[in-house]
Amino acid sequence: MKKIGLLAAAFLLSACGIGQHTQTIHAVPQDNIVDLHSGQKLTPQQLLAKLRDRPRVIVGEKHDNLQHHQIEQWLVESLPRQRTQGSVLMEMITLWYLCKITLGMITPSQQDKVNAVKDQLKQGKTLTGQQITEQTAWQKGWTWELYSGVTTAALAGSYPLLSANLDRSEIKKFYEHPLAVTGALSTQPSVREAIAKTIEESHGGKLEPKQAKAMLAIQQQRDRRMAESLLAAPTPALLIVGGYHANRALGVPLHVEDIAPMTELTVVMLAEEGVKVDKSNADFVWYTRKAKP
């Protein structure tokens, strides 16, 4: 596989697009939410009640499943009605974004652009989806038709919407010069082997050893950045990421524990029917239908 293809895969492991849809929870199955510690089935309102007092919640999605984004939008809109929301963080927003200019320099922060859009909405200005994507420098790899509902809801909130990912220049740097993370839990051989296997399978087993090493480093550095961002964010904080990042056995939770042991953390996994999720992966699971091709 060519280097450019591998770098693109490192930016987005599984994001893909479908047509435009209205974001509403009414189209989502609501009878398959499970507390993985007790085995109890929950209603959406019971899940909200359990999340109400949790200081840090991670929601893991399958990037191309519309129903997962509908649930995320519902959580973003519903949790602040239960208590004050401290912040929302998204994997889809980076601290910086790259722009092709003469000197090849990094432009001002995407976070600043997100903040500016929030200020406009706070002042009562109406913005179209196209205006939001342009003014926030929304990355095309994250299909706006999928993320418009949850992102617009978070932009409209009174709390900050924050970056939780590496920027493209950092990903490029780690690809060219892989740097392993430190920490007792995130560096366990079983963890690294499981992540490496997932990366290898996602590329059809065609990665060269050097490429596999680089992509493993990138994945774990992304997890580390997400953990650092979550710990630094105002609480109660809600972090929206891909399912692999959210996984207690592989992703961000291990890095949080390495950085700040005993931090209270709750994981809600959004999973498609047929996918096995247990308490080693998450605290709650909400099963949905499979994404349409």
C-alpha atoms as a PDB file:
ATOM      1  CA  MET A   1       0.000   0.000   0.000  1.00  0.00           C
ATOM      2  CA  LYS A   2       1.285   3.454  -0.870  1.00  0.00           C
ATOM      3  CA  LYS A   3       2.372   5.809   1.884  1.00  0.00           C
ATOM      4  CA  ILE A   4      -0.358   8.338   1.083  1.00  0.00           C
ATOM      5  CA  GLY A   5      -3.013   5.693   1.582  1.00  0.00           C
ATOM      6  CA  LEU A   6      -1.586   4.654   4.917  1.00  0.00           C
ATOM      7  CA  LEU A   7      -1.424   8.237   6.114  1.00  0.00           C
ATOM      8  CA  ALA A   8      -5.045   8.746   5.141  1.00  0.00           C
ATOM      9  CA  ALA A   9      -5.961   5.614   7.072  1.00  0.00           C
ATOM     10  CA  ALA A  10      -4.083   6.940  10.068  1.00  0.00           C
ATOM     11  CA  PHE A  11      -6.118  10.140   9.982  1.00  0.00           C
ATOM     12  CA  LEU A  12      -9.404   8.211   9.948  1.00  0.00           C
ATOM     13  CA  LEU A  13      -9.552   4.488  10.627  1.00  0.00           C
ATOM     14  CA  SER A  14     -13.146   3.972   9.607  1.00  0.00           C
ATOM     15  CA  ALA A  15     -15.002   7.177   8.800  1.00  0.00           C
ATOM     16  CA  CYS A  16     -17.236   6.987   5.746  1.00  0.00           C
ATOM     17  CA  GLY A  17     -20.248   8.785   4.396  1.00  0.00           C
ATOM     18  CA  ILE A  18     -23.915   8.242   3.629  1.00  0.00           C
ATOM     19  CA  GLY A  19     -26.622  10.558   2.432  1.00  0.00           C
ATOM     20  CA  GLN A  20     -28.215  13.365   4.394  1.00  0.00           C
ATOM     21  CA  HIS A  21     -30.628  12.386   7.165  1.00  0.00           C
ATOM     22  CA  THR A  22     -32.582  14.067   9.909  1.00  0.00           C
ATOM     23  CA  GLN A  23     -31.003  13.426  13.293  1.00  0.00           C
ATOM     24  CA  THR A  24     -33.683  12.069  15.657  1.00  0.00           C
ATOM     25  CA  ILE A  25     -33.636   9.486  18.422  1.00  0.00           C
ATOM     26  CA  HIS A  26     -37.146   8.325  17.546  1.00  0.00           C
ATOM     27  CA  ALA A  27     -35.721   6.197  14.745  1.00  0.00           C
ATOM     28  CA  VAL A  28     -33.279   4.457  17.122  1.00  0.00           C
ATOM     29  CA  PRO A  29     -34.114   1.181  18.932  1.00  0.00           C
ATOM     30  CA  GLN A  30     -34.612   2.117  22.580  1.00  0.00           C
ATOM     31  CA  ASP A  31     -35.137  -1.313  24.124  1.00  0.00           C
ATOM     32  CA  ASN A  32     -31.586  -2.618  23.944  1.00  0.00           C
ATOM     33  CA  ILE A  33     -29.596  -0.568  26.456  1.00  0.00           C
ATOM     34  CA  VAL A  34     -27.759  -2.667  29.040  1.00  0.00           C
ATOM     35  CA  ASP A  35     -25.964  -1.880  32.293  1.00  0.00           C
ATOM     36  CA  LEU A  36     -22.997  -4.214  31.829  1.00  0.00           C
ATOM     37  CA  HIS A  37     -22.262  -4.474  35.559  1.00  0.00           C
ATOM     38  CA  SER A  38     -25.741  -5.559  36.649  1.00  0.00           C
ATOM     39  CA  GLY A  39     -27.083  -6.958  33.381  1.00  0.00           C
ATOM     40  CA  GLN A  40     -30.166  -4.740  33.806  1.00  0.00           C
ATOM     41  CA  LYS A  41     -31.913  -3.438  30.705  1.00  0.00           C
ATOM     42  CA  LEU A  42     -32.461   0.312  30.776  1.00  0.00           C
ATOM     43  CA  THR A  43     -34.686   2.839  29.087  1.00  0.00           C
ATOM     44  CA  PRO A  44     -33.039   5.956  27.628  1.00  0.00           C
ATOM     45  CA  GLN A  45     -34.303   7.980  30.593  1.00  0.00           C
ATOM     46  CA  GLN A  46     -32.858   5.461  33.061  1.00  0.00           C
ATOM     47  CA  LEU A  47     -29.505   5.710  31.287  1.00  0.00           C
ATOM     48  CA  LEU A  48     -29.658   9.495  31.568  1.00  0.00           C
ATOM     49  CA  ALA A  49     -30.332   9.196  35.294  1.00  0.00           C
ATOM     50  CA  LYS A  50     -27.257   6.986  35.725  1.00  0.00           C
ATOM     51  CA  LEU A  51     -25.058   9.385  33.737  1.00  0.00           C
ATOM     52  CA  ARG A  52     -26.341  12.529  35.427  1.00  0.00           C
ATOM     53  CA  ASP A  53     -23.775  12.576  38.241  1.00  0.00           C
ATOM     54  CA  ARG A  54     -20.812  11.065  36.362  1.00  0.00           C
ATOM     55  CA  PRO A  55     -17.971  13.601  36.020  1.00  0.00           C
ATOM     56  CA  ARG A  56     -16.454  12.138  32.834  1.00  0.00           C
ATOM     57  CA  VAL A  57     -18.362  10.115  30.242  1.00  0.00           C
ATOM     58  CA  ILE A  58     -16.881   8.617  27.071  1.00  0.00           C
ATOM     59  CA  VAL A  59     -19.242   7.653  24.254  1.00  0.00           C
ATOM     60  CA  GLY A  60     -17.846   5.211  21.700  1.00  0.00           C
ATOM     61  CA  GLU A  61     -19.364   5.157  18.213  1.00  0.00           C
ATOM     62  CA  LYS A  62     -19.063   3.347  14.911  1.00  0.00           C
ATOM     63  CA  HIS A  63     -18.241   6.287  12.687  1.00  0.00           C
ATOM     64  CA  ASP A  64     -20.514   5.357   9.764  1.00  0.00           C
ATOM     65  CA  ASN A  65     -23.626   4.462  11.780  1.00  0.00           C
ATOM     66  CA  LEU A  66     -26.215   7.239  11.631  1.00  0.00           C
ATOM     67  CA  GLN A  67     -28.071   5.916  14.679  1.00  0.00           C
ATOM     68  CA  HIS A  68     -24.954   6.360  16.806  1.00  0.00           C
ATOM     69  CA  HIS A  69     -24.839  10.039  15.897  1.00  0.00           C
ATOM     70  CA  GLN A  70     -28.530  10.391  16.654  1.00  0.00           C
ATOM     71  CA  ILE A  71     -27.935   8.962  20.138  1.00  0.00           C
ATOM     72  CA  GLU A  72     -24.968  11.285  20.639  1.00  0.00           C
ATOM     73  CA  GLN A  73     -27.068  14.288  19.675  1.00  0.00           C
ATOM     74  CA  TRP A  74     -29.740  13.176  22.126  1.00  0.00           C
ATOM     75  CA  LEU A  75     -27.158  12.869  24.910  1.00  0.00           C
ATOM     76  CA  VAL A  76     -25.646  16.268  24.092  1.00  0.00           C
ATOM     77  CA  GLU A  77     -29.106  17.855  24.239  1.00  0.00           C
ATOM     78  CA  SER A  78     -30.471  15.855  27.196  1.00  0.00           C
ATOM     79  CA  LEU A  79     -27.630  15.751  29.730  1.00  0.00           C
ATOM     80  CA  PRO A  80     -27.545  19.558  30.239  1.00  0.00           C
ATOM     81  CA  ARG A  81     -31.221  19.357  31.205  1.00  0.00           C
ATOM     82  CA  GLN A  82     -30.219  16.986  34.015  1.00  0.00           C
ATOM     83  CA  ARG A  83     -27.320  19.110  35.321  1.00  0.00           C
ATOM     84  CA  THR A  84     -24.939  21.806  34.144  1.00  0.00           C
ATOM     85  CA  GLN A  85     -22.680  20.547  31.334  1.00  0.00           C
ATOM     86  CA  GLY A  86     -19.020  21.426  31.804  1.00  0.00           C
ATOM     87  CA  SER A  87     -17.786  20.597  28.288  1.00  0.00           C
ATOM     88  CA  VAL A  88     -18.152  18.367  25.247  1.00  0.00           C
ATOM     89  CA  LEU A  89     -15.087  17.016  23.441  1.00  0.00           C
ATOM     90  CA  MET A  90     -14.986  15.415  20.000  1.00  0.00           C
ATOM     91  CA  GLU A  91     -12.414  13.273  18.234  1.00  0.00           C
ATOM     92  CA  MET A  92     -13.505  15.038  15.039  1.00  0.00           C
ATOM     93  CA  ILE A  93     -12.063  18.400  16.121  1.00  0.00           C
ATOM     94  CA  THR A  94      -8.297  18.918  16.148  1.00  0.00           C
ATOM     95  CA  LEU A  95      -6.299  21.625  17.847  1.00  0.00           C
ATOM     96  CA  TRP A  96      -4.826  22.704  14.526  1.00  0.00           C
ATOM     97  CA  TYR A  97      -5.658  22.258  10.879  1.00  0.00           C
ATOM     98  CA  LEU A  98      -3.401  22.516   7.854  1.00  0.00           C
ATOM     99  CA  CYS A  99      -3.830  24.939   4.995  1.00  0.00           C
ATOM    100  CA  LYS A 100      -1.926  25.106   1.712  1.00  0.00           C
ATOM    101  CA  ILE A 101      -0.225  28.479   1.710  1.00  0.00           C
ATOM    102  CA  THR A 102       3.051  29.622   0.238  1.00  0.00           C
ATOM    103  CA  LEU A 103       5.189  28.919   3.303  1.00  0.00           C
ATOM    104  CA  GLY A 104       3.391  25.691   4.188  1.00  0.00           C
ATOM    105  CA  MET A 105       2.746  26.991   7.691  1.00  0.00           C
ATOM    106  CA  ILE A 106       0.139  25.802  10.169  1.00  0.00           C
ATOM    107  CA  THR A 107      -2.839  28.145  10.282  1.00  0.00           C
ATOM    108  CA  PRO A 108      -4.467  29.436  13.467  1.00  0.00           C
ATOM    109  CA  SER A 109      -6.161  26.947  15.729  1.00  0.00           C
ATOM    110  CA  GLN A 110      -9.307  25.118  14.628  1.00  0.00           C
ATOM    111  CA  GLN A 111     -10.324  25.424  18.268  1.00  0.00           C
ATOM    112  CA  ASP A 112     -10.352  29.209  17.867  1.00  0.00           C
ATOM    113  CA  LYS A 113     -12.619  28.837  14.849  1.00  0.00           C
ATOM    114  CA  VAL A 114     -15.014  26.589  16.773  1.00  0.00           C
ATOM    115  CA  ASN A 115     -15.062  29.129  19.604  1.00  0.00           C
ATOM    116  CA  ALA A 116     -15.837  31.918  17.140  1.00  0.00           C
ATOM    117  CA  VAL A 117     -18.813  30.016  15.708  1.00  0.00           C
ATOM    118  CA  LYS A 118     -20.111  29.331  19.221  1.00  0.00           C
ATOM    119  CA  ASP A 119     -19.903  33.059  19.956  1.00  0.00           C
ATOM    120  CA  GLN A 120     -21.926  33.853  16.832  1.00  0.00           C
ATOM    121  CA  LEU A 121     -24.633  31.351  17.776  1.00  0.00           C
ATOM    122  CA  LYS A 122     -24.680  32.669  21.338  1.00  0.00           C
ATOM    123  CA  GLN A 123     -25.373  36.125  19.942  1.00  0.00           C
ATOM    124  CA  GLY A 124     -28.387  34.762  18.057  1.00  0.00           C
ATOM    125  CA  LYS A 125     -26.902  34.558  14.582  1.00  0.00           C
ATOM    126  CA  THR A 126     -28.249  31.815  12.304  1.00  0.00           C
ATOM    127  CA  LEU A 127     -25.670  29.811  10.360  1.00  0.00           C
ATOM    128  CA  THR A 128     -26.218  27.235   7.633  1.00  0.00           C
ATOM    129  CA  GLY A 129     -24.449  23.891   7.670  1.00  0.00           C
ATOM    130  CA  GLN A 130     -22.164  25.102   4.892  1.00  0.00           C
ATOM    131  CA  GLN A 131     -21.258  28.211   6.882  1.00  0.00           C
ATOM    132  CA  ILE A 132     -20.492  26.106   9.956  1.00  0.00           C
ATOM    133  CA  THR A 133     -18.257  23.699   8.051  1.00  0.00           C
ATOM    134  CA  GLU A 134     -16.413  26.552   6.374  1.00  0.00           C
ATOM    135  CA  GLN A 135     -15.988  28.681   9.474  1.00  0.00           C
ATOM    136  CA  THR A 136     -14.902  25.793  11.722  1.00  0.00           C
ATOM    137  CA  ALA A 137     -12.600  24.288   9.049  1.00  0.00           C
ATOM    138  CA  TRP A 138     -14.527  21.023   9.424  1.00  0.00           C
ATOM    139  CA  GLN A 139     -12.434  18.153   8.046  1.00  0.00           C
ATOM    140  CA  LYS A 140     -13.982  16.503   4.998  1.00  0.00           C
ATOM    141  CA  GLY A 141     -13.015  13.028   6.216  1.00  0.00           C
ATOM    142  CA  TRP A 142     -15.787  13.338   8.818  1.00  0.00           C
ATOM    143  CA  THR A 143     -18.943  13.351   6.694  1.00  0.00           C
ATOM    144  CA  TRP A 144     -20.937  16.412   7.733  1.00  0.00           C
ATOM    145  CA  GLU A 145     -24.296  14.792   6.919  1.00  0.00           C
ATOM    146  CA  LEU A 146     -23.563  12.293   9.690  1.00  0.00           C
ATOM    147  CA  TYR A 147     -22.149  14.714  12.257  1.00  0.00           C
ATOM    148  CA  SER A 148     -24.245  17.807  11.601  1.00  0.00           C
ATOM    149  CA  GLY A 149     -26.834  17.103  14.306  1.00  0.00           C
ATOM    150  CA  VAL A 150     -24.513  16.343  17.216  1.00  0.00           C
ATOM    151  CA  THR A 151     -21.982  19.013  16.240  1.00  0.00           C
ATOM    152  CA  THR A 152     -24.597  21.741  15.816  1.00  0.00           C
ATOM    153  CA  ALA A 153     -26.166  20.776  19.149  1.00  0.00           C
ATOM    154  CA  ALA A 154     -22.784  21.007  20.875  1.00  0.00           C
ATOM    155  CA  LEU A 155     -22.004  24.330  19.183  1.00  0.00           C
ATOM    156  CA  ALA A 156     -25.307  25.717  20.426  1.00  0.00           C
ATOM    157  CA  GLY A 157     -24.584  24.744  24.041  1.00  0.00           C
ATOM    158  CA  SER A 158     -23.422  27.189  26.709  1.00  0.00           C
ATOM    159  CA  TYR A 159     -20.370  25.014  27.502  1.00  0.00           C
ATOM    160  CA  PRO A 160     -17.120  24.769  25.480  1.00  0.00           C
ATOM    161  CA  LEU A 161     -16.837  22.346  22.542  1.00  0.00           C
ATOM    162  CA  LEU A 162     -13.247  21.130  22.645  1.00  0.00           C
ATOM    163  CA  SER A 163     -10.664  19.378  20.517  1.00  0.00           C
ATOM    164  CA  ALA A 164      -9.672  15.830  21.462  1.00  0.00           C
ATOM    165  CA  ASN A 165      -7.299  14.608  18.777  1.00  0.00           C
ATOM    166  CA  LEU A 166      -3.866  14.935  17.230  1.00  0.00           C
ATOM    167  CA  ASP A 167      -3.509  17.370  14.378  1.00  0.00           C
ATOM    168  CA  ARG A 168      -2.390  16.246  10.942  1.00  0.00           C
ATOM    169  CA  SER A 169       1.160  17.481  11.368  1.00  0.00           C
ATOM    170  CA  GLU A 170       1.519  15.414  14.537  1.00  0.00           C
ATOM    171  CA  ILE A 171       0.138  12.320  12.831  1.00  0.00           C
ATOM    172  CA  LYS A 172       2.622  12.797  10.004  1.00  0.00           C
ATOM    173  CA  LYS A 173       5.443  13.202  12.520  1.00  0.00           C
ATOM    174  CA  PHE A 174       4.513  10.020  14.410  1.00  0.00           C
ATOM    175  CA  TYR A 175       4.189   8.123  11.137  1.00  0.00           C
ATOM    176  CA  GLU A 176       7.698   9.094  10.104  1.00  0.00           C
ATOM    177  CA  HIS A 177       9.182   8.806  13.602  1.00  0.00           C
ATOM    178  CA  PRO A 178       7.030   6.464  15.746  1.00  0.00           C
ATOM    179  CA  LEU A 179       7.085   7.313  19.447  1.00  0.00           C
ATOM    180  CA  ALA A 180       5.632   4.871  21.967  1.00  0.00           C
ATOM    181  CA  VAL A 181       3.550   6.138  24.879  1.00  0.00           C
ATOM    182  CA  THR A 182       4.578   5.524  28.481  1.00  0.00           C
ATOM    183  CA  GLY A 183       2.496   4.032  31.287  1.00  0.00           C
ATOM    184  CA  ALA A 184       1.968   0.699  32.985  1.00  0.00           C
ATOM    185  CA  LEU A 185      -1.484  -0.099  31.577  1.00  0.00           C
ATOM    186  CA  SER A 186      -1.514   1.305  28.047  1.00  0.00           C
ATOM    187  CA  THR A 187       1.818  -0.318  27.191  1.00  0.00           C
ATOM    188  CA  GLN A 188       0.923  -3.853  28.257  1.00  0.00           C
ATOM    189  CA  PRO A 189       1.929  -6.350  25.533  1.00  0.00           C
ATOM    190  CA  SER A 190      -1.624  -7.696  25.362  1.00  0.00           C
ATOM    191  CA  VAL A 191      -2.976  -4.183  24.718  1.00  0.00           C
ATOM    192  CA  ARG A 192      -0.432  -3.329  22.044  1.00  0.00           C
ATOM    193  CA  GLU A 193      -0.862  -6.716  20.366  1.00  0.00           C
ATOM    194  CA  ALA A 194      -4.656  -6.360  20.262  1.00  0.00           C
ATOM    195  CA  ILE A 195      -4.434  -2.871  18.724  1.00  0.00           C
ATOM    196  CA  ALA A 196      -1.798  -4.022  16.236  1.00  0.00           C
ATOM    197  CA  LYS A 197      -3.994  -6.947  15.211  1.00  0.00           C
ATOM    198  CA  THR A 198      -6.966  -4.648  14.631  1.00  0.00           C
ATOM    199  CA  ILE A 199      -4.862  -2.306  12.496  1.00  0.00           C
ATOM    200  CA  GLU A 200      -3.414  -5.204  10.520  1.00  0.00           C
ATOM    201  CA  GLU A 201      -6.855  -6.700   9.850  1.00  0.00           C
ATOM    202  CA  SER A 202      -8.245  -3.327   8.774  1.00  0.00           C
ATOM    203  CA  HIS A 203      -5.555  -3.225   6.085  1.00  0.00           C
ATOM    204  CA  GLY A 204      -6.075  -6.765   4.865  1.00  0.00           C
ATOM    205  CA  GLY A 205      -2.868  -8.060   6.433  1.00  0.00           C
ATOM    206  CA  LYS A 206      -0.781  -6.152   3.888  1.00  0.00           C
ATOM    207  CA  LEU A 207       1.173  -3.816   6.154  1.00  0.00           C
ATOM    208  CA  GLU A 208       4.933  -3.955   6.284  1.00  0.00           C
ATOM    209  CA  PRO A 209       6.414  -4.169   9.827  1.00  0.00           C
ATOM    210  CA  LYS A 210       7.618  -0.551   9.697  1.00  0.00           C
ATOM    211  CA  GLN A 211       4.183   0.658   8.648  1.00  0.00           C
ATOM    212  CA  ALA A 212       2.424  -1.402  11.318  1.00  0.00           C
ATOM    213  CA  LYS A 213       4.725   0.004  14.001  1.00  0.00           C
ATOM    214  CA  ALA A 214       4.009   3.559  12.885  1.00  0.00           C
ATOM    215  CA  MET A 215       0.253   3.104  12.852  1.00  0.00           C
ATOM    216  CA  LEU A 216       0.290   1.493  16.292  1.00  0.00           C
ATOM    217  CA  ALA A 217       2.193   4.498  17.625  1.00  0.00           C
ATOM    218  CA  ILE A 218      -0.298   6.894  16.030  1.00  0.00           C
ATOM    219  CA  GLN A 219      -3.301   5.061  17.463  1.00  0.00           C
ATOM    220  CA  GLN A 220      -1.877   5.087  20.979  1.00  0.00           C
ATOM    221  CA  GLN A 221      -0.736   8.702  20.729  1.00  0.00           C
ATOM    222  CA  ARG A 222      -4.271   9.626  19.700  1.00  0.00           C
ATOM    223  CA  ASP A 223      -5.622   7.756  22.734  1.00  0.00           C
ATOM    224  CA  ARG A 224      -3.133   9.587  24.941  1.00  0.00           C
ATOM    225  CA  ARG A 225      -4.137  12.995  23.561  1.00  0.00           C
ATOM    226  CA  MET A 226      -7.811  12.200  24.066  1.00  0.00           C
ATOM    227  CA  ALA A 227      -7.121  11.168  27.666  1.00  0.00           C
ATOM    228  CA  GLU A 228      -5.134  14.334  28.348  1.00  0.00           C
ATOM    229  CA  SER A 229      -7.852  16.478  26.789  1.00  0.00           C
ATOM    230  CA  LEU A 230     -10.591  14.793  28.799  1.00  0.00           C
ATOM    231  CA  LEU A 231      -8.706  15.216  32.068  1.00  0.00           C
ATOM    232  CA  ALA A 232      -8.079  18.894  31.335  1.00  0.00           C
ATOM    233  CA  ALA A 233     -11.661  19.676  30.284  1.00  0.00           C
ATOM    234  CA  PRO A 234     -14.244  21.315  32.561  1.00  0.00           C
ATOM    235  CA  THR A 235     -16.496  18.722  34.206  1.00  0.00           C
ATOM    236  CA  PRO A 236     -18.975  17.174  33.785  1.00  0.00           C
ATOM    237  CA  ALA A 237     -17.286  16.314  30.481  1.00  0.00           C
ATOM    238  CA  LEU A 238     -18.616  14.233  27.580  1.00  0.00           C
ATOM    239  CA  LEU A 239     -16.082  12.802  25.100  1.00  0.00           C
ATOM    240  CA  ILE A 240     -17.314  11.493  21.721  1.00  0.00           C
ATOM    241  CA  VAL A 241     -14.886   9.115  19.982  1.00  0.00           C
ATOM    242  CA  GLY A 242     -14.693   5.948  17.918  1.00  0.00           C
ATOM    243  CA  GLY A 243     -15.417   2.669  19.662  1.00  0.00           C
ATOM    244  CA  TYR A 244     -11.795   1.473  19.707  1.00  0.00           C
ATOM    245  CA  HIS A 245     -10.740   4.667  21.462  1.00  0.00           C
ATOM    246  CA  ALA A 246     -13.547   4.309  24.016  1.00  0.00           C
ATOM    247  CA  ASN A 247     -12.837   0.652  24.814  1.00  0.00           C
ATOM    248  CA  ARG A 248     -11.808   0.166  28.458  1.00  0.00           C
ATOM    249  CA  ALA A 249      -9.530  -2.725  27.510  1.00  0.00           C
ATOM    250  CA  LEU A 250      -7.648  -0.918  24.721  1.00  0.00           C
ATOM    251  CA  GLY A 251      -8.138   2.807  24.524  1.00  0.00           C
ATOM    252  CA  VAL A 252      -8.541   6.118  26.303  1.00  0.00           C
ATOM    253  CA  PRO A 253      -9.576   4.686  29.715  1.00  0.00           C
ATOM    254  CA  LEU A 254      -6.205   2.936  30.066  1.00  0.00           C
ATOM    255  CA  HIS A 255      -4.389   6.184  29.322  1.00  0.00           C
ATOM    256  CA  VAL A 256      -6.549   8.086  31.808  1.00  0.00           C
ATOM    257  CA  GLU A 257      -5.622   5.536  34.461  1.00  0.00           C
ATOM    258  CA  ASP A 258      -1.933   5.805  33.562  1.00  0.00           C
ATOM    259  CA  ILE A 259      -2.021   9.616  33.841  1.00  0.00           C
ATOM    260  CA  ALA A 260      -4.418  10.045  36.765  1.00  0.00           C
ATOM    261  CA  PRO A 261      -5.089   6.793  38.665  1.00  0.00           C
ATOM    262  CA  MET A 262      -8.471   6.416  40.352  1.00  0.00           C
ATOM    263  CA  THR A 263     -10.159   8.959  38.066  1.00  0.00           C
ATOM    264  CA  GLU A 264     -13.896   8.273  37.890  1.00  0.00           C
ATOM    265  CA  LEU A 265     -14.735   7.427  34.294  1.00  0.00           C
ATOM    266  CA  THR A 266     -17.846   6.025  32.603  1.00  0.00           C
ATOM    267  CA  VAL A 267     -17.930   4.423  29.154  1.00  0.00           C
ATOM    268  CA  VAL A 268     -21.085   4.151  27.053  1.00  0.00           C
ATOM    269  CA  MET A 269     -20.489   1.963  24.010  1.00  0.00           C
ATOM    270  CA  LEU A 270     -22.748   2.330  20.973  1.00  0.00           C
ATOM    271  CA  ALA A 271     -22.572  -1.015  19.179  1.00  0.00           C
ATOM    272  CA  GLU A 272     -24.294  -2.688  16.284  1.00  0.00           C
ATOM    273  CA  GLU A 273     -26.403  -5.776  16.923  1.00  0.00           C
ATOM    274  CA  GLY A 274     -24.285  -8.915  16.988  1.00  0.00           C
ATOM    275  CA  VAL A 275     -21.170  -7.193  18.354  1.00  0.00           C
ATOM    276  CA  LYS A 276     -20.065  -8.572  21.726  1.00  0.00           C
ATOM    277  CA  VAL A 277     -19.528  -5.928  24.411  1.00  0.00           C
ATOM    278  CA  ASP A 278     -19.000  -6.756  28.084  1.00  0.00           C
ATOM    279  CA  LYS A 279     -17.969  -4.946  31.268  1.00  0.00           C
ATOM    280  CA  SER A 280     -14.291  -5.227  30.370  1.00  0.00           C
ATOM    281  CA  ASN A 281     -15.046  -2.923  27.409  1.00  0.00           C
ATOM    282  CA  ALA A 282     -17.648  -0.507  28.787  1.00  0.00           C
ATOM    283  CA  ASP A 283     -20.075   0.264  31.604  1.00  0.00           C
ATOM    284  CA  PHE A 284     -23.149   0.553  29.401  1.00  0.00           C
ATOM    285  CA  VAL A 285     -23.931  -0.591  25.873  1.00  0.00           C
ATOM    286  CA  TRP A 286     -26.658   0.675  23.547  1.00  0.00           C
ATOM    287  CA  TYR A 287     -27.223  -1.726  20.657  1.00  0.00           C
ATOM    288  CA  THR A 288     -28.453  -0.394  17.326  1.00  0.00           C
ATOM    289  CA  ARG A 289     -29.126  -1.733  13.864  1.00  0.00           C
ATOM    290  CA  LYS A 290     -26.200  -2.149  11.515  1.00  0.00           C
ATOM    291  CA  ALA A 291     -25.220   0.812   9.380  1.00  0.00           C
ATOM    292  CA  LYS A 292     -26.696   0.838   5.907  1.00  0.00           C
ATOM    293  CA  PRO A 293     -24.102   0.348   3.136  1.00  0.00           C
END
